[in-house]
Amino acid sequence: MSSLLDCGRFKLDLGVPRIMAIINVTPDSFSAPGHMTLDAAIRAAEVAVEEGADMLDIGGESSRPGALPVSEQEELDRVLPVVEALASFGVPLSVDTVKPAVMTAAIRAGADMINDIAGFRAEGALDAVADTQVALCVMHMKGQPGTMQLAPEYSDVCQEVSGFLAERVAILEAAGVARSRIVLDPGFGFGKSLEHNLAMLRDLQGFMGLGFPLLVGMSRKTMLGQITGRDVSGRMVAGAVVAYAAVERGARIVRTHDVAQTRDALRVWEALESAA
């Protein structure tokens, strides 16, 4: 597995773990109200890069448990001005969407990665991305955001998630997508109980057997509240800890709301690795 990810305008070196900062432009994000003006989104991105973000992930439709979908036009109106404004920031831009039309427009506006929680299963999604140069993050989600946390069940969560990801990769490759463009995300919190999430984290190295870089996102999620008893605003320390744990088990990209805390955790990891 090459350490270089073909990521739109960039060749992203994943020989070291990278931090993906979350820039939500939604009013109903689970973690906090989104950056609903262009100026607020730009400022949030500036702060994230100053704090050490290597990538920015822009989302215009909430995927929190119980979230309702937004219209294609509304998502475009939220996302495209932010992508256009951040295209000159000098870091890869990811757009978090399941809609093929948003994928196409975002790529034209300057996006370097499409992060699809549905694994490019929507009709037209493959056509929207296959012949481009952007990186593709393929995530596992059981069910839909509105219902995914209603008693999810697996016989073996790691096996089922790995099987799904392998199947989606095969479909992408058959459509002509180079392996060097693909990143996988097991989908922590997307149709998984606390026990499922912990099982995946413990066995994260098993997902590396698929042969692709891993992206993980556990920042501020319910699983951390279940473990610590803290509400969303108090989960920064736990988020940095699970980021460290994920990188120690092989993750190459960590998606987070809390860049500074995550950067500190990964600096500790890097210092330990360089001393070994």
C-alpha atoms as a PDB file:
ATOM      1  CA  MET A   1       0.000   0.000   0.000  1.00  0.00           C
ATOM      2  CA  SER A   2       1.511   3.305  -1.121  1.00  0.00           C
ATOM      3  CA  SER A   3       1.763   6.091   1.442  1.00  0.00           C
ATOM      4  CA  LEU A   4       0.720   8.645  -1.191  1.00  0.00           C
ATOM      5  CA  LEU A   5      -2.966   9.369  -1.705  1.00  0.00           C
ATOM      6  CA  ASP A   6      -4.022  10.886  -5.023  1.00  0.00           C
ATOM      7  CA  CYS A   7      -6.204  13.667  -3.705  1.00  0.00           C
ATOM      8  CA  GLY A   8      -7.282  16.092  -6.405  1.00  0.00           C
ATOM      9  CA  ARG A   9      -4.695  18.850  -6.613  1.00  0.00           C
ATOM     10  CA  PHE A  10      -2.533  17.119  -4.005  1.00  0.00           C
ATOM     11  CA  LYS A  11      -0.416  14.046  -3.443  1.00  0.00           C
ATOM     12  CA  LEU A  12      -1.107  13.547   0.252  1.00  0.00           C
ATOM     13  CA  ASP A  13       1.640  11.709   2.128  1.00  0.00           C
ATOM     14  CA  LEU A  14       0.001   9.338   4.590  1.00  0.00           C
ATOM     15  CA  GLY A  15       3.313   8.088   5.881  1.00  0.00           C
ATOM     16  CA  VAL A  16       2.398  10.241   8.879  1.00  0.00           C
ATOM     17  CA  PRO A  17      -1.137  10.510  10.280  1.00  0.00           C
ATOM     18  CA  ARG A  18      -3.173  13.465   9.053  1.00  0.00           C
ATOM     19  CA  ILE A  19      -5.839  15.561  10.749  1.00  0.00           C
ATOM     20  CA  MET A  20      -9.066  16.332   8.893  1.00  0.00           C
ATOM     21  CA  ALA A  21     -10.913  19.273  10.437  1.00  0.00           C
ATOM     22  CA  ILE A  22     -14.704  19.316  10.318  1.00  0.00           C
ATOM     23  CA  ILE A  23     -16.247  22.479   8.860  1.00  0.00           C
ATOM     24  CA  ASN A  24     -20.008  22.052   9.175  1.00  0.00           C
ATOM     25  CA  VAL A  25     -22.323  24.456   7.374  1.00  0.00           C
ATOM     26  CA  THR A  26     -25.485  22.967   8.828  1.00  0.00           C
ATOM     27  CA  PRO A  27     -27.808  24.381  11.486  1.00  0.00           C
ATOM     28  CA  ASP A  28     -28.375  20.982  13.116  1.00  0.00           C
ATOM     29  CA  SER A  29     -24.986  19.341  13.603  1.00  0.00           C
ATOM     30  CA  PHE A  30     -24.974  17.076  16.671  1.00  0.00           C
ATOM     31  CA  SER A  31     -21.789  18.682  18.007  1.00  0.00           C
ATOM     32  CA  ALA A  32     -22.642  22.376  17.791  1.00  0.00           C
ATOM     33  CA  PRO A  33     -24.487  24.811  15.534  1.00  0.00           C
ATOM     34  CA  GLY A  34     -22.778  24.946  12.153  1.00  0.00           C
ATOM     35  CA  HIS A  35     -20.914  27.860  10.576  1.00  0.00           C
ATOM     36  CA  MET A  36     -23.916  29.157   8.653  1.00  0.00           C
ATOM     37  CA  THR A  37     -22.350  32.276   7.145  1.00  0.00           C
ATOM     38  CA  LEU A  38     -19.500  32.234   4.658  1.00  0.00           C
ATOM     39  CA  ASP A  39     -17.356  34.457   6.880  1.00  0.00           C
ATOM     40  CA  ALA A  40     -17.869  32.129   9.862  1.00  0.00           C
ATOM     41  CA  ALA A  41     -16.906  29.083   7.795  1.00  0.00           C
ATOM     42  CA  ILE A  42     -13.779  30.813   6.487  1.00  0.00           C
ATOM     43  CA  ARG A  43     -12.758  31.831   9.989  1.00  0.00           C
ATOM     44  CA  ALA A  44     -13.335  28.306  11.303  1.00  0.00           C
ATOM     45  CA  ALA A  45     -11.144  26.965   8.506  1.00  0.00           C
ATOM     46  CA  GLU A  46      -8.437  29.522   9.253  1.00  0.00           C
ATOM     47  CA  VAL A  47      -8.400  28.507  12.914  1.00  0.00           C
ATOM     48  CA  ALA A  48      -8.317  24.808  12.023  1.00  0.00           C
ATOM     49  CA  VAL A  49      -5.321  25.252   9.717  1.00  0.00           C
ATOM     50  CA  GLU A  50      -3.549  27.425  12.309  1.00  0.00           C
ATOM     51  CA  GLU A  51      -4.086  24.669  14.878  1.00  0.00           C
ATOM     52  CA  GLY A  52      -2.606  22.019  12.615  1.00  0.00           C
ATOM     53  CA  ALA A  53      -5.298  20.643  10.309  1.00  0.00           C
ATOM     54  CA  ASP A  54      -3.926  18.935   7.209  1.00  0.00           C
ATOM     55  CA  MET A  55      -7.325  18.730   5.469  1.00  0.00           C
ATOM     56  CA  LEU A  56     -10.745  20.376   5.707  1.00  0.00           C
ATOM     57  CA  ASP A  57     -14.012  18.423   5.471  1.00  0.00           C
ATOM     58  CA  ILE A  58     -17.011  20.550   4.472  1.00  0.00           C
ATOM     59  CA  GLY A  59     -20.505  19.244   5.130  1.00  0.00           C
ATOM     60  CA  GLY A  60     -23.840  20.819   4.238  1.00  0.00           C
ATOM     61  CA  GLU A  61     -26.197  18.061   5.386  1.00  0.00           C
ATOM     62  CA  SER A  62     -26.218  16.696   8.917  1.00  0.00           C
ATOM     63  CA  SER A  63     -25.702  12.946   9.304  1.00  0.00           C
ATOM     64  CA  ARG A  64     -26.319  12.860  13.056  1.00  0.00           C
ATOM     65  CA  PRO A  65     -28.673  10.130  14.317  1.00  0.00           C
ATOM     66  CA  GLY A  66     -32.232  11.170  13.555  1.00  0.00           C
ATOM     67  CA  ALA A  67     -31.231  13.774  10.979  1.00  0.00           C
ATOM     68  CA  LEU A  68     -33.593  14.569   8.126  1.00  0.00           C
ATOM     69  CA  PRO A  69     -32.307  15.042   4.567  1.00  0.00           C
ATOM     70  CA  VAL A  70     -32.046  18.471   2.963  1.00  0.00           C
ATOM     71  CA  SER A  71     -32.793  19.316  -0.633  1.00  0.00           C
ATOM     72  CA  GLU A  72     -30.106  19.161  -3.274  1.00  0.00           C
ATOM     73  CA  GLN A  73     -30.326  22.903  -3.906  1.00  0.00           C
ATOM     74  CA  GLU A  74     -30.070  23.780  -0.239  1.00  0.00           C
ATOM     75  CA  GLU A  75     -26.969  21.635   0.154  1.00  0.00           C
ATOM     76  CA  LEU A  76     -25.406  23.200  -2.938  1.00  0.00           C
ATOM     77  CA  ASP A  77     -26.155  26.682  -1.607  1.00  0.00           C
ATOM     78  CA  ARG A  78     -24.475  25.840   1.682  1.00  0.00           C
ATOM     79  CA  VAL A  79     -21.415  24.017   0.378  1.00  0.00           C
ATOM     80  CA  LEU A  80     -20.282  25.573  -2.899  1.00  0.00           C
ATOM     81  CA  PRO A  81     -19.457  29.097  -1.659  1.00  0.00           C
ATOM     82  CA  VAL A  82     -17.347  27.571   1.126  1.00  0.00           C
ATOM     83  CA  VAL A  83     -15.446  25.275  -1.244  1.00  0.00           C
ATOM     84  CA  GLU A  84     -14.775  28.170  -3.612  1.00  0.00           C
ATOM     85  CA  ALA A  85     -13.585  30.380  -0.753  1.00  0.00           C
ATOM     86  CA  LEU A  86     -11.292  27.745   0.742  1.00  0.00           C
ATOM     87  CA  ALA A  87      -9.799  26.480  -2.528  1.00  0.00           C
ATOM     88  CA  SER A  88      -6.804  28.789  -2.074  1.00  0.00           C
ATOM     89  CA  PHE A  89      -6.006  27.634   1.477  1.00  0.00           C
ATOM     90  CA  GLY A  90      -3.293  25.223   0.331  1.00  0.00           C
ATOM     91  CA  VAL A  91      -4.757  22.111   1.973  1.00  0.00           C
ATOM     92  CA  PRO A  92      -6.959  19.382   0.483  1.00  0.00           C
ATOM     93  CA  LEU A  93     -10.685  20.073   0.649  1.00  0.00           C
ATOM     94  CA  SER A  94     -13.089  17.205   1.267  1.00  0.00           C
ATOM     95  CA  VAL A  95     -16.831  17.497   0.743  1.00  0.00           C
ATOM     96  CA  ASP A  96     -19.085  15.266   2.823  1.00  0.00           C
ATOM     97  CA  THR A  97     -22.101  14.407   0.667  1.00  0.00           C
ATOM     98  CA  VAL A  98     -24.200  11.520  -0.645  1.00  0.00           C
ATOM     99  CA  LYS A  99     -25.701  13.449  -3.577  1.00  0.00           C
ATOM    100  CA  PRO A 100     -24.151  12.974  -7.038  1.00  0.00           C
ATOM    101  CA  ALA A 101     -25.058  16.506  -8.162  1.00  0.00           C
ATOM    102  CA  VAL A 102     -23.328  17.966  -5.110  1.00  0.00           C
ATOM    103  CA  MET A 103     -20.292  15.765  -5.791  1.00  0.00           C
ATOM    104  CA  THR A 104     -20.036  17.030  -9.363  1.00  0.00           C
ATOM    105  CA  ALA A 105     -20.478  20.688  -8.460  1.00  0.00           C
ATOM    106  CA  ALA A 106     -18.074  20.458  -5.508  1.00  0.00           C
ATOM    107  CA  ILE A 107     -15.353  18.909  -7.664  1.00  0.00           C
ATOM    108  CA  ARG A 108     -15.774  21.680 -10.216  1.00  0.00           C
ATOM    109  CA  ALA A 109     -15.532  24.234  -7.399  1.00  0.00           C
ATOM    110  CA  GLY A 110     -12.215  22.822  -6.158  1.00  0.00           C
ATOM    111  CA  ALA A 111     -12.897  19.829  -3.893  1.00  0.00           C
ATOM    112  CA  ASP A 112     -10.067  17.281  -3.678  1.00  0.00           C
ATOM    113  CA  MET A 113     -11.964  14.466  -1.938  1.00  0.00           C
ATOM    114  CA  ILE A 114     -15.540  13.262  -1.777  1.00  0.00           C
ATOM    115  CA  ASN A 115     -16.438  11.745   1.583  1.00  0.00           C
ATOM    116  CA  ASP A 116     -19.593   9.658   1.097  1.00  0.00           C
ATOM    117  CA  ILE A 117     -21.205   8.130   4.181  1.00  0.00           C
ATOM    118  CA  ALA A 118     -23.289   5.944   1.854  1.00  0.00           C
ATOM    119  CA  GLY A 119     -20.281   4.419   0.114  1.00  0.00           C
ATOM    120  CA  PHE A 120     -21.158   5.795  -3.363  1.00  0.00           C
ATOM    121  CA  ARG A 121     -24.325   3.711  -3.545  1.00  0.00           C
ATOM    122  CA  ALA A 122     -26.695   6.454  -4.727  1.00  0.00           C
ATOM    123  CA  GLU A 123     -27.739   6.277  -8.360  1.00  0.00           C
ATOM    124  CA  GLY A 124     -25.262   8.376 -10.318  1.00  0.00           C
ATOM    125  CA  ALA A 125     -22.629   8.585  -7.582  1.00  0.00           C
ATOM    126  CA  LEU A 126     -20.110   6.381  -9.378  1.00  0.00           C
ATOM    127  CA  ASP A 127     -20.578   8.319 -12.609  1.00  0.00           C
ATOM    128  CA  ALA A 128     -20.025  11.576 -10.733  1.00  0.00           C
ATOM    129  CA  VAL A 129     -16.608  10.585  -9.372  1.00  0.00           C
ATOM    130  CA  ALA A 130     -15.103   7.756 -11.428  1.00  0.00           C
ATOM    131  CA  ASP A 131     -13.432   9.833 -14.151  1.00  0.00           C
ATOM    132  CA  THR A 132     -12.158  12.580 -11.859  1.00  0.00           C
ATOM    133  CA  GLN A 133      -8.869  12.950  -9.977  1.00  0.00           C
ATOM    134  CA  VAL A 134     -10.351  13.368  -6.491  1.00  0.00           C
ATOM    135  CA  ALA A 135      -9.838  10.978  -3.596  1.00  0.00           C
ATOM    136  CA  LEU A 136     -12.838   8.939  -2.474  1.00  0.00           C
ATOM    137  CA  CYS A 137     -13.634   8.055   1.121  1.00  0.00           C
ATOM    138  CA  VAL A 138     -15.877   4.993   1.247  1.00  0.00           C
ATOM    139  CA  MET A 139     -17.734   4.658   4.543  1.00  0.00           C
ATOM    140  CA  HIS A 140     -19.920   1.942   6.034  1.00  0.00           C
ATOM    141  CA  MET A 141     -23.317   2.944   7.396  1.00  0.00           C
ATOM    142  CA  LYS A 142     -26.027   0.516   8.450  1.00  0.00           C
ATOM    143  CA  GLY A 143     -29.423   2.006   7.600  1.00  0.00           C
ATOM    144  CA  GLN A 144     -30.018   5.737   7.181  1.00  0.00           C
ATOM    145  CA  PRO A 145     -29.185   8.635   9.535  1.00  0.00           C
ATOM    146  CA  GLY A 146     -32.816   8.904  10.573  1.00  0.00           C
ATOM    147  CA  THR A 147     -32.975   5.319  11.830  1.00  0.00           C
ATOM    148  CA  MET A 148     -29.448   3.946  12.012  1.00  0.00           C
ATOM    149  CA  GLN A 149     -29.159   3.971  15.806  1.00  0.00           C
ATOM    150  CA  LEU A 150     -32.404   2.092  16.472  1.00  0.00           C
ATOM    151  CA  ALA A 151     -30.975  -1.148  17.915  1.00  0.00           C
ATOM    152  CA  PRO A 152     -28.416  -2.014  15.204  1.00  0.00           C
ATOM    153  CA  GLU A 153     -27.463  -5.694  15.097  1.00  0.00           C
ATOM    154  CA  TYR A 154     -24.539  -7.628  13.616  1.00  0.00           C
ATOM    155  CA  SER A 155     -23.439 -11.222  13.889  1.00  0.00           C
ATOM    156  CA  ASP A 156     -19.821  -9.971  13.581  1.00  0.00           C
ATOM    157  CA  VAL A 157     -19.492  -6.228  13.125  1.00  0.00           C
ATOM    158  CA  CYS A 158     -15.877  -6.239  11.933  1.00  0.00           C
ATOM    159  CA  GLN A 159     -16.506  -8.992   9.410  1.00  0.00           C
ATOM    160  CA  GLU A 160     -19.676  -7.380   8.081  1.00  0.00           C
ATOM    161  CA  VAL A 161     -18.129  -3.929   7.771  1.00  0.00           C
ATOM    162  CA  SER A 162     -14.999  -5.332   6.102  1.00  0.00           C
ATOM    163  CA  GLY A 163     -17.129  -7.277   3.645  1.00  0.00           C
ATOM    164  CA  PHE A 164     -19.145  -4.189   2.734  1.00  0.00           C
ATOM    165  CA  LEU A 165     -16.019  -2.068   2.221  1.00  0.00           C
ATOM    166  CA  ALA A 166     -14.356  -4.749   0.098  1.00  0.00           C
ATOM    167  CA  GLU A 167     -17.478  -4.993  -2.065  1.00  0.00           C
ATOM    168  CA  ARG A 168     -17.631  -1.236  -2.600  1.00  0.00           C
ATOM    169  CA  VAL A 169     -13.929  -1.084  -3.457  1.00  0.00           C
ATOM    170  CA  ALA A 170     -14.405  -3.785  -6.082  1.00  0.00           C
ATOM    171  CA  ILE A 171     -17.231  -1.765  -7.628  1.00  0.00           C
ATOM    172  CA  LEU A 172     -15.136   1.406  -7.651  1.00  0.00           C
ATOM    173  CA  GLU A 173     -12.196  -0.357  -9.252  1.00  0.00           C
ATOM    174  CA  ALA A 174     -14.470  -1.902 -11.877  1.00  0.00           C
ATOM    175  CA  ALA A 175     -15.609   1.646 -12.696  1.00  0.00           C
ATOM    176  CA  GLY A 176     -11.986   2.641 -13.302  1.00  0.00           C
ATOM    177  CA  VAL A 177     -11.086   4.251  -9.970  1.00  0.00           C
ATOM    178  CA  ALA A 178      -7.383   3.822  -9.169  1.00  0.00           C
ATOM    179  CA  ARG A 179      -6.534   2.245  -5.823  1.00  0.00           C
ATOM    180  CA  SER A 180      -4.357   5.280  -5.053  1.00  0.00           C
ATOM    181  CA  ARG A 181      -7.537   7.401  -4.798  1.00  0.00           C
ATOM    182  CA  ILE A 182      -9.384   5.273  -2.239  1.00  0.00           C
ATOM    183  CA  VAL A 183      -9.666   5.693   1.546  1.00  0.00           C
ATOM    184  CA  LEU A 184     -11.869   3.539   3.785  1.00  0.00           C
ATOM    185  CA  ASP A 185     -13.886   4.525   6.863  1.00  0.00           C
ATOM    186  CA  PRO A 186     -15.509   1.829   9.061  1.00  0.00           C
ATOM    187  CA  GLY A 187     -18.182   4.343  10.080  1.00  0.00           C
ATOM    188  CA  PHE A 188     -17.957   4.694  13.854  1.00  0.00           C
ATOM    189  CA  GLY A 189     -21.374   5.651  15.208  1.00  0.00           C
ATOM    190  CA  PHE A 190     -23.208   5.029  11.944  1.00  0.00           C
ATOM    191  CA  GLY A 191     -25.540   2.183  12.818  1.00  0.00           C
ATOM    192  CA  LYS A 192     -23.355   0.813  15.623  1.00  0.00           C
ATOM    193  CA  SER A 193     -23.798   0.427  19.358  1.00  0.00           C
ATOM    194  CA  LEU A 194     -21.045   1.252  21.845  1.00  0.00           C
ATOM    195  CA  GLU A 195     -20.022  -2.413  21.833  1.00  0.00           C
ATOM    196  CA  HIS A 196     -19.819  -2.415  18.034  1.00  0.00           C
ATOM    197  CA  ASN A 197     -17.716   0.760  18.010  1.00  0.00           C
ATOM    198  CA  LEU A 198     -15.305  -0.602  20.606  1.00  0.00           C
ATOM    199  CA  ALA A 199     -14.984  -3.895  18.740  1.00  0.00           C
ATOM    200  CA  MET A 200     -14.050  -2.025  15.562  1.00  0.00           C
ATOM    201  CA  LEU A 201     -11.540   0.165  17.363  1.00  0.00           C
ATOM    202  CA  ARG A 202      -9.909  -2.838  19.033  1.00  0.00           C
ATOM    203  CA  ASP A 203      -9.610  -4.607  15.674  1.00  0.00           C
ATOM    204  CA  LEU A 204      -8.859  -1.581  13.526  1.00  0.00           C
ATOM    205  CA  GLN A 205      -5.702  -3.205  12.208  1.00  0.00           C
ATOM    206  CA  GLY A 206      -7.909  -5.921  10.735  1.00  0.00           C
ATOM    207  CA  PHE A 207      -9.424  -3.374   8.357  1.00  0.00           C
ATOM    208  CA  MET A 208      -5.931  -2.555   7.116  1.00  0.00           C
ATOM    209  CA  GLY A 209      -5.911  -6.010   5.559  1.00  0.00           C
ATOM    210  CA  LEU A 210      -8.151  -4.548   2.841  1.00  0.00           C
ATOM    211  CA  GLY A 211      -5.079  -2.700   1.578  1.00  0.00           C
ATOM    212  CA  PHE A 212      -6.242   0.925   1.794  1.00  0.00           C
ATOM    213  CA  PRO A 213      -5.610   3.849   4.158  1.00  0.00           C
ATOM    214  CA  LEU A 214      -8.115   4.184   6.976  1.00  0.00           C
ATOM    215  CA  LEU A 215      -9.988   7.336   7.920  1.00  0.00           C
ATOM    216  CA  VAL A 216     -11.743   7.372  11.284  1.00  0.00           C
ATOM    217  CA  GLY A 217     -14.136   9.821  12.897  1.00  0.00           C
ATOM    218  CA  MET A 218     -15.093   9.494  16.553  1.00  0.00           C
ATOM    219  CA  SER A 219     -14.859  13.140  17.578  1.00  0.00           C
ATOM    220  CA  ARG A 220     -17.511  14.155  20.164  1.00  0.00           C
ATOM    221  CA  LYS A 221     -19.697  11.166  19.294  1.00  0.00           C
ATOM    222  CA  THR A 222     -22.240   9.479  21.528  1.00  0.00           C
ATOM    223  CA  MET A 223     -19.868   6.564  22.134  1.00  0.00           C
ATOM    224  CA  LEU A 224     -17.547   8.955  23.988  1.00  0.00           C
ATOM    225  CA  GLY A 225     -20.444  10.270  26.053  1.00  0.00           C
ATOM    226  CA  GLN A 226     -21.438   6.714  26.948  1.00  0.00           C
ATOM    227  CA  ILE A 227     -17.899   5.985  28.113  1.00  0.00           C
ATOM    228  CA  THR A 228     -17.211   9.235  29.976  1.00  0.00           C
ATOM    229  CA  GLY A 229     -20.668  10.420  31.016  1.00  0.00           C
ATOM    230  CA  ARG A 230     -19.913  13.839  29.506  1.00  0.00           C
ATOM    231  CA  ASP A 231     -22.089  15.851  27.145  1.00  0.00           C
ATOM    232  CA  VAL A 232     -20.919  16.891  23.692  1.00  0.00           C
ATOM    233  CA  SER A 233     -19.045  19.974  24.903  1.00  0.00           C
ATOM    234  CA  GLY A 234     -16.979  17.918  27.350  1.00  0.00           C
ATOM    235  CA  ARG A 235     -15.683  15.183  25.028  1.00  0.00           C
ATOM    236  CA  MET A 236     -12.509  16.838  23.700  1.00  0.00           C
ATOM    237  CA  VAL A 237     -10.102  14.870  25.880  1.00  0.00           C
ATOM    238  CA  ALA A 238     -11.810  11.576  25.083  1.00  0.00           C
ATOM    239  CA  GLY A 239     -11.729  12.491  21.399  1.00  0.00           C
ATOM    240  CA  ALA A 240      -7.982  13.079  21.501  1.00  0.00           C
ATOM    241  CA  VAL A 241      -7.505   9.759  23.305  1.00  0.00           C
ATOM    242  CA  VAL A 242      -9.449   7.752  20.732  1.00  0.00           C
ATOM    243  CA  ALA A 243      -7.606   9.561  17.928  1.00  0.00           C
ATOM    244  CA  TYR A 244      -4.341   8.401  19.501  1.00  0.00           C
ATOM    245  CA  ALA A 245      -5.709   4.873  19.878  1.00  0.00           C
ATOM    246  CA  ALA A 246      -6.851   4.805  16.248  1.00  0.00           C
ATOM    247  CA  VAL A 247      -3.515   6.026  14.897  1.00  0.00           C
ATOM    248  CA  GLU A 248      -1.686   3.526  17.083  1.00  0.00           C
ATOM    249  CA  ARG A 249      -3.792   0.823  15.393  1.00  0.00           C
ATOM    250  CA  GLY A 250      -3.049   2.059  11.895  1.00  0.00           C
ATOM    251  CA  ALA A 251      -5.458   4.902  11.022  1.00  0.00           C
ATOM    252  CA  ARG A 252      -3.947   7.444   8.634  1.00  0.00           C
ATOM    253  CA  ILE A 253      -6.563  10.215   8.718  1.00  0.00           C
ATOM    254  CA  VAL A 254      -8.415  11.363  11.835  1.00  0.00           C
ATOM    255  CA  ARG A 255     -11.536  13.463  11.340  1.00  0.00           C
ATOM    256  CA  THR A 256     -12.166  15.827  14.235  1.00  0.00           C
ATOM    257  CA  HIS A 257     -13.919  18.928  15.525  1.00  0.00           C
ATOM    258  CA  ASP A 258     -11.044  19.569  17.968  1.00  0.00           C
ATOM    259  CA  VAL A 259      -7.879  20.079  15.980  1.00  0.00           C
ATOM    260  CA  ALA A 260      -5.563  21.481  18.654  1.00  0.00           C
ATOM    261  CA  GLN A 261      -6.242  18.676  21.123  1.00  0.00           C
ATOM    262  CA  THR A 262      -5.912  16.030  18.414  1.00  0.00           C
ATOM    263  CA  ARG A 263      -2.667  17.560  17.153  1.00  0.00           C
ATOM    264  CA  ASP A 264      -1.196  17.410  20.666  1.00  0.00           C
ATOM    265  CA  ALA A 265      -2.181  13.758  21.013  1.00  0.00           C
ATOM    266  CA  LEU A 266      -0.604  12.857  17.694  1.00  0.00           C
ATOM    267  CA  ARG A 267       2.571  14.771  18.517  1.00  0.00           C
ATOM    268  CA  VAL A 268       2.938  12.544  21.550  1.00  0.00           C
ATOM    269  CA  TRP A 269       2.415   9.501  19.332  1.00  0.00           C
ATOM    270  CA  GLU A 270       4.985  10.776  16.818  1.00  0.00           C
ATOM    271  CA  ALA A 271       7.526  11.486  19.544  1.00  0.00           C
ATOM    272  CA  LEU A 272       7.167   7.962  20.890  1.00  0.00           C
ATOM    273  CA  GLU A 273       7.443   6.488  17.403  1.00  0.00           C
ATOM    274  CA  SER A 274      10.578   8.471  16.542  1.00  0.00           C
ATOM    275  CA  ALA A 275      12.219   7.413  19.815  1.00  0.00           C
ATOM    276  CA  ALA A 276      11.599   3.720  19.161  1.00  0.00           C
END
